[in-house]
Amino acid sequence: MTDPQLERQPVDGETRGVALFCHGGTAASQAPPKDRALSLVRMRAFERFVRDELAGRGVETALVRYRVAGWNGEAADAYKDVQWAIEQLRAEHGRDVPVVLVGHSMGGRAALKAGGDPQVTAVCALAPWTPPGEPVMQLRGQTVAILHGRGDRWVPAKLSADFAVRARRAGARVARFTLPGGHSMLRRAHTWHGFARDVVLAGTGLEPMRADVANALQQPSPEGLAVPL
């Protein structure tokens, strides 16, 4: 098993925040992620978009490459690698630089599970794989923004809907949006990318939370957990 890797894109000047991107994977596999896997290619596209938009404002971007492609049951390998990546960023920047987690599918699951870290200021979960019974208490007091395609056949949108309800009950600040399209986030890609960018902007304190997300965070369940984009 190889070590995890952190593909970092430092900024010139002061680092005002970090966006950590967590790619998808599969339920069970001990093989390393393939470099051309669609889940990794898509997260690299998100990272590049956010970097192009925000590097000039002091936001460093980083993408964690997992040791293995699978979650692997109780091993929760992707989650452990995201924890490792947060520690690397903390060692580099100290404890006062905000970290926003952006994760897709299995990476969304890992980001949500790691979202209770005291340095994480927001979680952006894109079509997250959240099986029934996935823990939520770690997100108490955390800001969580979820976006899920209504036509997702790999990870049905109902999973994140159920998770969002439970996370709110646990005391998380959750907004959840849906839009047309499936798991690959290729349909209306710019909407997906812009959503992630705006959550990063707010999570790093560079801008207020965009209006539709801020409004959804204030809405009761289920109105704030099934907002169409």
C-alpha atoms as a PDB file:
ATOM      1  CA  MET A   1       0.000   0.000   0.000  1.00  0.00           C
ATOM      2  CA  THR A   2       1.475   3.338  -1.020  1.00  0.00           C
ATOM      3  CA  ASP A   3       1.306   6.457   1.130  1.00  0.00           C
ATOM      4  CA  PRO A   4      -1.345   9.092   0.456  1.00  0.00           C
ATOM      5  CA  GLN A   5      -0.255  12.113  -1.524  1.00  0.00           C
ATOM      6  CA  LEU A   6      -1.200  15.760  -1.361  1.00  0.00           C
ATOM      7  CA  GLU A   7      -1.166  17.648  -4.653  1.00  0.00           C
ATOM      8  CA  ARG A   8      -0.766  21.227  -3.437  1.00  0.00           C
ATOM      9  CA  GLN A   9      -1.061  24.492  -5.319  1.00  0.00           C
ATOM     10  CA  PRO A  10       0.431  27.182  -3.048  1.00  0.00           C
ATOM     11  CA  VAL A  11      -0.363  30.858  -3.541  1.00  0.00           C
ATOM     12  CA  ASP A  12       1.919  33.832  -3.834  1.00  0.00           C
ATOM     13  CA  GLY A  13       1.889  35.816  -0.638  1.00  0.00           C
ATOM     14  CA  GLU A  14      -0.245  35.156   2.420  1.00  0.00           C
ATOM     15  CA  THR A  15      -2.401  32.019   2.507  1.00  0.00           C
ATOM     16  CA  ARG A  16      -5.824  33.132   3.750  1.00  0.00           C
ATOM     17  CA  GLY A  17      -7.505  29.751   3.445  1.00  0.00           C
ATOM     18  CA  VAL A  18      -7.180  26.274   1.978  1.00  0.00           C
ATOM     19  CA  ALA A  19      -9.634  24.262  -0.112  1.00  0.00           C
ATOM     20  CA  LEU A  20      -8.963  20.534   0.178  1.00  0.00           C
ATOM     21  CA  PHE A  21     -10.472  18.409  -2.606  1.00  0.00           C
ATOM     22  CA  CYS A  22     -11.407  14.783  -1.943  1.00  0.00           C
ATOM     23  CA  HIS A  23     -12.097  12.599  -4.977  1.00  0.00           C
ATOM     24  CA  GLY A  24     -14.424   9.647  -5.290  1.00  0.00           C
ATOM     25  CA  GLY A  25     -13.668   5.947  -5.361  1.00  0.00           C
ATOM     26  CA  THR A  26     -15.388   2.645  -4.845  1.00  0.00           C
ATOM     27  CA  ALA A  27     -16.873   0.623  -2.010  1.00  0.00           C
ATOM     28  CA  ALA A  28     -14.067  -1.933  -1.755  1.00  0.00           C
ATOM     29  CA  SER A  29     -10.641  -1.994  -3.392  1.00  0.00           C
ATOM     30  CA  GLN A  30      -7.057  -2.263  -2.225  1.00  0.00           C
ATOM     31  CA  ALA A  31      -5.697  -1.069  -5.565  1.00  0.00           C
ATOM     32  CA  PRO A  32      -4.353   2.489  -5.812  1.00  0.00           C
ATOM     33  CA  PRO A  33      -6.615   4.995  -7.590  1.00  0.00           C
ATOM     34  CA  LYS A  34      -6.053   5.091 -11.335  1.00  0.00           C
ATOM     35  CA  ASP A  35      -4.723   8.411 -12.548  1.00  0.00           C
ATOM     36  CA  ARG A  36      -7.330   8.559 -15.323  1.00  0.00           C
ATOM     37  CA  ALA A  37     -10.282   7.491 -13.183  1.00  0.00           C
ATOM     38  CA  LEU A  38     -13.243   9.763 -13.872  1.00  0.00           C
ATOM     39  CA  SER A  39     -13.669  10.502 -10.162  1.00  0.00           C
ATOM     40  CA  LEU A  40     -10.128  11.858  -9.968  1.00  0.00           C
ATOM     41  CA  VAL A  41     -10.354  13.704 -13.293  1.00  0.00           C
ATOM     42  CA  ARG A  42     -13.530  15.465 -12.155  1.00  0.00           C
ATOM     43  CA  MET A  43     -12.046  16.552  -8.837  1.00  0.00           C
ATOM     44  CA  ARG A  44      -8.993  17.895 -10.596  1.00  0.00           C
ATOM     45  CA  ALA A  45     -11.335  19.984 -12.735  1.00  0.00           C
ATOM     46  CA  PHE A  46     -12.984  21.379  -9.590  1.00  0.00           C
ATOM     47  CA  GLU A  47      -9.608  22.103  -8.030  1.00  0.00           C
ATOM     48  CA  ARG A  48      -8.398  23.880 -11.163  1.00  0.00           C
ATOM     49  CA  PHE A  49     -11.579  25.974 -11.415  1.00  0.00           C
ATOM     50  CA  VAL A  50     -11.385  27.106  -7.796  1.00  0.00           C
ATOM     51  CA  ARG A  51      -7.655  27.749  -8.072  1.00  0.00           C
ATOM     52  CA  ASP A  52      -8.095  29.906 -11.169  1.00  0.00           C
ATOM     53  CA  GLU A  53     -10.852  31.864  -9.457  1.00  0.00           C
ATOM     54  CA  LEU A  54      -9.410  32.269  -5.962  1.00  0.00           C
ATOM     55  CA  ALA A  55      -5.630  31.817  -5.917  1.00  0.00           C
ATOM     56  CA  GLY A  56      -5.245  35.560  -6.428  1.00  0.00           C
ATOM     57  CA  ARG A  57      -7.214  36.083  -3.221  1.00  0.00           C
ATOM     58  CA  GLY A  58      -4.985  33.898  -1.101  1.00  0.00           C
ATOM     59  CA  VAL A  59      -6.794  30.544  -1.307  1.00  0.00           C
ATOM     60  CA  GLU A  60      -4.455  27.578  -1.631  1.00  0.00           C
ATOM     61  CA  THR A  61      -5.914  24.469  -3.222  1.00  0.00           C
ATOM     62  CA  ALA A  62      -4.873  20.901  -2.544  1.00  0.00           C
ATOM     63  CA  LEU A  63      -6.102  17.495  -3.694  1.00  0.00           C
ATOM     64  CA  VAL A  64      -5.580  14.363  -1.635  1.00  0.00           C
ATOM     65  CA  ARG A  65      -4.655  11.186  -3.515  1.00  0.00           C
ATOM     66  CA  TYR A  66      -5.750   8.177  -1.493  1.00  0.00           C
ATOM     67  CA  ARG A  67      -3.586   5.156  -0.808  1.00  0.00           C
ATOM     68  CA  VAL A  68      -6.290   2.855  -2.171  1.00  0.00           C
ATOM     69  CA  ALA A  69      -9.374   3.376  -4.317  1.00  0.00           C
ATOM     70  CA  GLY A  70     -11.817   1.759  -1.873  1.00  0.00           C
ATOM     71  CA  TRP A  71     -13.548   2.835   1.317  1.00  0.00           C
ATOM     72  CA  ASN A  72     -13.181  -0.740   2.570  1.00  0.00           C
ATOM     73  CA  GLY A  73     -15.773  -0.977   5.301  1.00  0.00           C
ATOM     74  CA  GLU A  74     -14.675  -0.147   8.818  1.00  0.00           C
ATOM     75  CA  ALA A  75     -11.178   0.679   7.548  1.00  0.00           C
ATOM     76  CA  ALA A  76     -12.631   3.910   6.083  1.00  0.00           C
ATOM     77  CA  ASP A  77      -9.405   4.386   4.163  1.00  0.00           C
ATOM     78  CA  ALA A  78     -10.406   7.579   2.339  1.00  0.00           C
ATOM     79  CA  TYR A  79     -11.445   9.206   5.606  1.00  0.00           C
ATOM     80  CA  LYS A  80      -8.100   8.371   7.190  1.00  0.00           C
ATOM     81  CA  ASP A  81      -6.305   9.874   4.193  1.00  0.00           C
ATOM     82  CA  VAL A  82      -8.358  13.075   4.427  1.00  0.00           C
ATOM     83  CA  GLN A  83      -7.464  13.279   8.121  1.00  0.00           C
ATOM     84  CA  TRP A  84      -3.807  12.849   7.158  1.00  0.00           C
ATOM     85  CA  ALA A  85      -4.109  15.630   4.561  1.00  0.00           C
ATOM     86  CA  ILE A  86      -5.627  18.028   7.106  1.00  0.00           C
ATOM     87  CA  GLU A  87      -2.729  17.317   9.433  1.00  0.00           C
ATOM     88  CA  GLN A  88      -0.247  18.082   6.649  1.00  0.00           C
ATOM     89  CA  LEU A  89      -1.954  21.412   6.004  1.00  0.00           C
ATOM     90  CA  ARG A  90      -1.995  22.189   9.723  1.00  0.00           C
ATOM     91  CA  ALA A  91       1.707  21.460   9.998  1.00  0.00           C
ATOM     92  CA  GLU A  92       2.383  23.840   7.102  1.00  0.00           C
ATOM     93  CA  HIS A  93       0.028  26.704   7.949  1.00  0.00           C
ATOM     94  CA  GLY A  94      -0.661  26.424  11.676  1.00  0.00           C
ATOM     95  CA  ARG A  95      -4.063  26.147  13.303  1.00  0.00           C
ATOM     96  CA  ASP A  96      -5.529  29.513  12.318  1.00  0.00           C
ATOM     97  CA  VAL A  97      -5.891  29.109   8.543  1.00  0.00           C
ATOM     98  CA  PRO A  98      -9.428  27.957   7.662  1.00  0.00           C
ATOM     99  CA  VAL A  99      -9.783  24.722   5.723  1.00  0.00           C
ATOM    100  CA  VAL A 100     -12.819  23.979   3.526  1.00  0.00           C
ATOM    101  CA  LEU A 101     -13.389  20.377   2.465  1.00  0.00           C
ATOM    102  CA  VAL A 102     -14.825  19.722  -1.004  1.00  0.00           C
ATOM    103  CA  GLY A 103     -15.632  16.077  -1.665  1.00  0.00           C
ATOM    104  CA  HIS A 104     -17.444  14.084  -4.352  1.00  0.00           C
ATOM    105  CA  SER A 105     -19.101  10.692  -3.840  1.00  0.00           C
ATOM    106  CA  MET A 106     -16.800   8.641  -1.603  1.00  0.00           C
ATOM    107  CA  GLY A 107     -14.773  11.810  -1.140  1.00  0.00           C
ATOM    108  CA  GLY A 108     -17.931  13.533   0.031  1.00  0.00           C
ATOM    109  CA  ARG A 109     -18.396  10.789   2.603  1.00  0.00           C
ATOM    110  CA  ALA A 110     -14.813  11.234   3.765  1.00  0.00           C
ATOM    111  CA  ALA A 111     -15.170  15.024   3.909  1.00  0.00           C
ATOM    112  CA  LEU A 112     -18.357  14.804   5.963  1.00  0.00           C
ATOM    113  CA  LYS A 113     -16.798  12.310   8.360  1.00  0.00           C
ATOM    114  CA  ALA A 114     -13.741  14.578   8.753  1.00  0.00           C
ATOM    115  CA  GLY A 115     -15.863  17.711   8.960  1.00  0.00           C
ATOM    116  CA  GLY A 116     -15.703  17.894  12.730  1.00  0.00           C
ATOM    117  CA  ASP A 117     -12.018  18.803  12.707  1.00  0.00           C
ATOM    118  CA  PRO A 118     -11.681  22.153  14.525  1.00  0.00           C
ATOM    119  CA  GLN A 119      -9.838  23.725  11.603  1.00  0.00           C
ATOM    120  CA  VAL A 120     -12.545  22.832   9.060  1.00  0.00           C
ATOM    121  CA  THR A 121     -14.873  25.797   8.610  1.00  0.00           C
ATOM    122  CA  ALA A 122     -17.241  24.329   5.993  1.00  0.00           C
ATOM    123  CA  VAL A 123     -17.918  21.139   4.042  1.00  0.00           C
ATOM    124  CA  CYS A 124     -19.071  21.107   0.433  1.00  0.00           C
ATOM    125  CA  ALA A 125     -20.410  17.621  -0.349  1.00  0.00           C
ATOM    126  CA  LEU A 126     -21.072  16.880  -4.025  1.00  0.00           C
ATOM    127  CA  ALA A 127     -23.293  13.831  -4.639  1.00  0.00           C
ATOM    128  CA  PRO A 128     -21.946  12.365  -1.399  1.00  0.00           C
ATOM    129  CA  TRP A 129     -22.142   8.669  -0.729  1.00  0.00           C
ATOM    130  CA  THR A 130     -23.809   8.617   2.679  1.00  0.00           C
ATOM    131  CA  PRO A 131     -25.095   5.116   3.474  1.00  0.00           C
ATOM    132  CA  PRO A 132     -27.877   4.670   6.036  1.00  0.00           C
ATOM    133  CA  GLY A 133     -26.533   5.084   9.549  1.00  0.00           C
ATOM    134  CA  GLU A 134     -23.535   7.206   8.513  1.00  0.00           C
ATOM    135  CA  PRO A 135     -22.453   9.194  11.602  1.00  0.00           C
ATOM    136  CA  VAL A 136     -23.520  12.831  11.863  1.00  0.00           C
ATOM    137  CA  MET A 137     -22.696  13.973  15.397  1.00  0.00           C
ATOM    138  CA  GLN A 138     -19.221  15.144  14.371  1.00  0.00           C
ATOM    139  CA  LEU A 139     -20.906  17.865  12.288  1.00  0.00           C
ATOM    140  CA  ARG A 140     -22.647  19.582  15.190  1.00  0.00           C
ATOM    141  CA  GLY A 141     -22.187  23.339  14.698  1.00  0.00           C
ATOM    142  CA  GLN A 142     -20.597  22.840  11.260  1.00  0.00           C
ATOM    143  CA  THR A 143     -21.751  24.437   8.001  1.00  0.00           C
ATOM    144  CA  VAL A 144     -22.537  21.798   5.371  1.00  0.00           C
ATOM    145  CA  ALA A 145     -23.609  22.502   1.791  1.00  0.00           C
ATOM    146  CA  ILE A 146     -24.770  19.514  -0.273  1.00  0.00           C
ATOM    147  CA  LEU A 147     -25.460  19.387  -4.014  1.00  0.00           C
ATOM    148  CA  HIS A 148     -26.870  16.237  -5.614  1.00  0.00           C
ATOM    149  CA  GLY A 149     -28.125  15.340  -9.085  1.00  0.00           C
ATOM    150  CA  ARG A 150     -31.721  14.210  -9.112  1.00  0.00           C
ATOM    151  CA  GLY A 151     -30.926  11.599 -11.779  1.00  0.00           C
ATOM    152  CA  ASP A 152     -27.954  10.080  -9.950  1.00  0.00           C
ATOM    153  CA  ARG A 153     -28.052   6.300 -10.442  1.00  0.00           C
ATOM    154  CA  TRP A 154     -24.772   5.497  -8.688  1.00  0.00           C
ATOM    155  CA  VAL A 155     -25.551   7.288  -5.442  1.00  0.00           C
ATOM    156  CA  PRO A 156     -29.285   7.984  -5.211  1.00  0.00           C
ATOM    157  CA  ALA A 157     -30.108  11.494  -4.061  1.00  0.00           C
ATOM    158  CA  LYS A 158     -32.337  10.083  -1.320  1.00  0.00           C
ATOM    159  CA  LEU A 159     -29.207   9.042   0.585  1.00  0.00           C
ATOM    160  CA  SER A 160     -27.972  12.603   0.988  1.00  0.00           C
ATOM    161  CA  ALA A 161     -31.533  13.765   1.742  1.00  0.00           C
ATOM    162  CA  ASP A 162     -31.794  11.333   4.648  1.00  0.00           C
ATOM    163  CA  PHE A 163     -28.290  12.245   5.823  1.00  0.00           C
ATOM    164  CA  ALA A 164     -29.094  15.968   5.713  1.00  0.00           C
ATOM    165  CA  VAL A 165     -32.158  15.504   7.913  1.00  0.00           C
ATOM    166  CA  ARG A 166     -30.173  13.557  10.507  1.00  0.00           C
ATOM    167  CA  ALA A 167     -27.272  16.014  10.422  1.00  0.00           C
ATOM    168  CA  ARG A 168     -29.626  18.907  11.084  1.00  0.00           C
ATOM    169  CA  ARG A 169     -31.127  17.076  14.013  1.00  0.00           C
ATOM    170  CA  ALA A 170     -27.594  16.649  15.352  1.00  0.00           C
ATOM    171  CA  GLY A 171     -27.069  20.412  15.259  1.00  0.00           C
ATOM    172  CA  ALA A 172     -25.300  20.911  11.914  1.00  0.00           C
ATOM    173  CA  ARG A 173     -26.131  23.900   9.730  1.00  0.00           C
ATOM    174  CA  VAL A 174     -27.127  22.118   6.528  1.00  0.00           C
ATOM    175  CA  ALA A 175     -28.312  23.370   3.145  1.00  0.00           C
ATOM    176  CA  ARG A 176     -29.030  20.844   0.416  1.00  0.00           C
ATOM    177  CA  PHE A 177     -29.663  21.526  -3.264  1.00  0.00           C
ATOM    178  CA  THR A 178     -30.621  19.322  -6.194  1.00  0.00           C
ATOM    179  CA  LEU A 179     -30.287  19.787  -9.928  1.00  0.00           C
ATOM    180  CA  PRO A 180     -30.793  17.758 -13.104  1.00  0.00           C
ATOM    181  CA  GLY A 181     -28.120  15.234 -14.041  1.00  0.00           C
ATOM    182  CA  GLY A 182     -26.235  12.273 -12.722  1.00  0.00           C
ATOM    183  CA  HIS A 183     -23.234  11.282 -10.686  1.00  0.00           C
ATOM    184  CA  SER A 184     -20.444  12.503 -12.961  1.00  0.00           C
ATOM    185  CA  MET A 185     -21.449  16.179 -12.546  1.00  0.00           C
ATOM    186  CA  LEU A 186     -20.911  16.774 -16.264  1.00  0.00           C
ATOM    187  CA  ARG A 187     -24.360  18.185 -16.978  1.00  0.00           C
ATOM    188  CA  ARG A 188     -24.373  21.859 -15.959  1.00  0.00           C
ATOM    189  CA  ALA A 189     -20.759  21.474 -14.877  1.00  0.00           C
ATOM    190  CA  HIS A 190     -20.327  25.208 -14.392  1.00  0.00           C
ATOM    191  CA  THR A 191     -23.140  25.193 -11.811  1.00  0.00           C
ATOM    192  CA  TRP A 192     -21.382  22.450  -9.859  1.00  0.00           C
ATOM    193  CA  HIS A 193     -18.045  24.264 -10.069  1.00  0.00           C
ATOM    194  CA  GLY A 194     -19.527  27.616  -9.071  1.00  0.00           C
ATOM    195  CA  PHE A 195     -21.305  26.055  -6.091  1.00  0.00           C
ATOM    196  CA  ALA A 196     -18.015  24.652  -4.775  1.00  0.00           C
ATOM    197  CA  ARG A 197     -16.211  27.955  -5.351  1.00  0.00           C
ATOM    198  CA  ASP A 198     -18.858  29.925  -3.468  1.00  0.00           C
ATOM    199  CA  VAL A 199     -18.811  27.572  -0.474  1.00  0.00           C
ATOM    200  CA  VAL A 200     -15.016  27.896  -0.387  1.00  0.00           C
ATOM    201  CA  LEU A 201     -15.301  31.685  -0.542  1.00  0.00           C
ATOM    202  CA  ALA A 202     -17.649  31.747   2.421  1.00  0.00           C
ATOM    203  CA  GLY A 203     -15.849  29.057   4.380  1.00  0.00           C
ATOM    204  CA  THR A 204     -12.545  30.915   4.137  1.00  0.00           C
ATOM    205  CA  GLY A 205     -14.222  34.146   5.210  1.00  0.00           C
ATOM    206  CA  LEU A 206     -13.509  36.008   1.980  1.00  0.00           C
ATOM    207  CA  GLU A 207     -17.190  36.584   1.148  1.00  0.00           C
ATOM    208  CA  PRO A 208     -20.534  36.138   2.873  1.00  0.00           C
ATOM    209  CA  MET A 209     -22.301  32.894   2.031  1.00  0.00           C
ATOM    210  CA  ARG A 210     -24.120  33.289  -1.263  1.00  0.00           C
ATOM    211  CA  ALA A 211     -27.768  34.223  -0.874  1.00  0.00           C
ATOM    212  CA  ASP A 212     -29.478  30.970  -1.879  1.00  0.00           C
ATOM    213  CA  VAL A 213     -27.263  28.876   0.413  1.00  0.00           C
ATOM    214  CA  ALA A 214     -27.621  31.347   3.285  1.00  0.00           C
ATOM    215  CA  ASN A 215     -31.386  31.292   2.854  1.00  0.00           C
ATOM    216  CA  ALA A 216     -31.519  27.485   2.737  1.00  0.00           C
ATOM    217  CA  LEU A 217     -29.456  27.282   5.921  1.00  0.00           C
ATOM    218  CA  GLN A 218     -32.203  29.270   7.653  1.00  0.00           C
ATOM    219  CA  GLN A 219     -35.129  27.335   6.212  1.00  0.00           C
ATOM    220  CA  PRO A 220     -36.731  24.534   8.219  1.00  0.00           C
ATOM    221  CA  SER A 221     -36.695  20.910   7.080  1.00  0.00           C
ATOM    222  CA  PRO A 222     -37.535  19.847   4.461  1.00  0.00           C
ATOM    223  CA  GLU A 223     -37.603  23.216   2.629  1.00  0.00           C
ATOM    224  CA  GLY A 224     -33.928  23.961   3.180  1.00  0.00           C
ATOM    225  CA  LEU A 225     -32.865  20.441   2.243  1.00  0.00           C
ATOM    226  CA  ALA A 226     -34.354  20.038  -1.236  1.00  0.00           C
ATOM    227  CA  VAL A 227     -33.794  23.365  -2.988  1.00  0.00           C
ATOM    228  CA  PRO A 228     -33.740  23.081  -6.813  1.00  0.00           C
ATOM    229  CA  LEU A 229     -30.853  24.793  -8.597  1.00  0.00           C
END
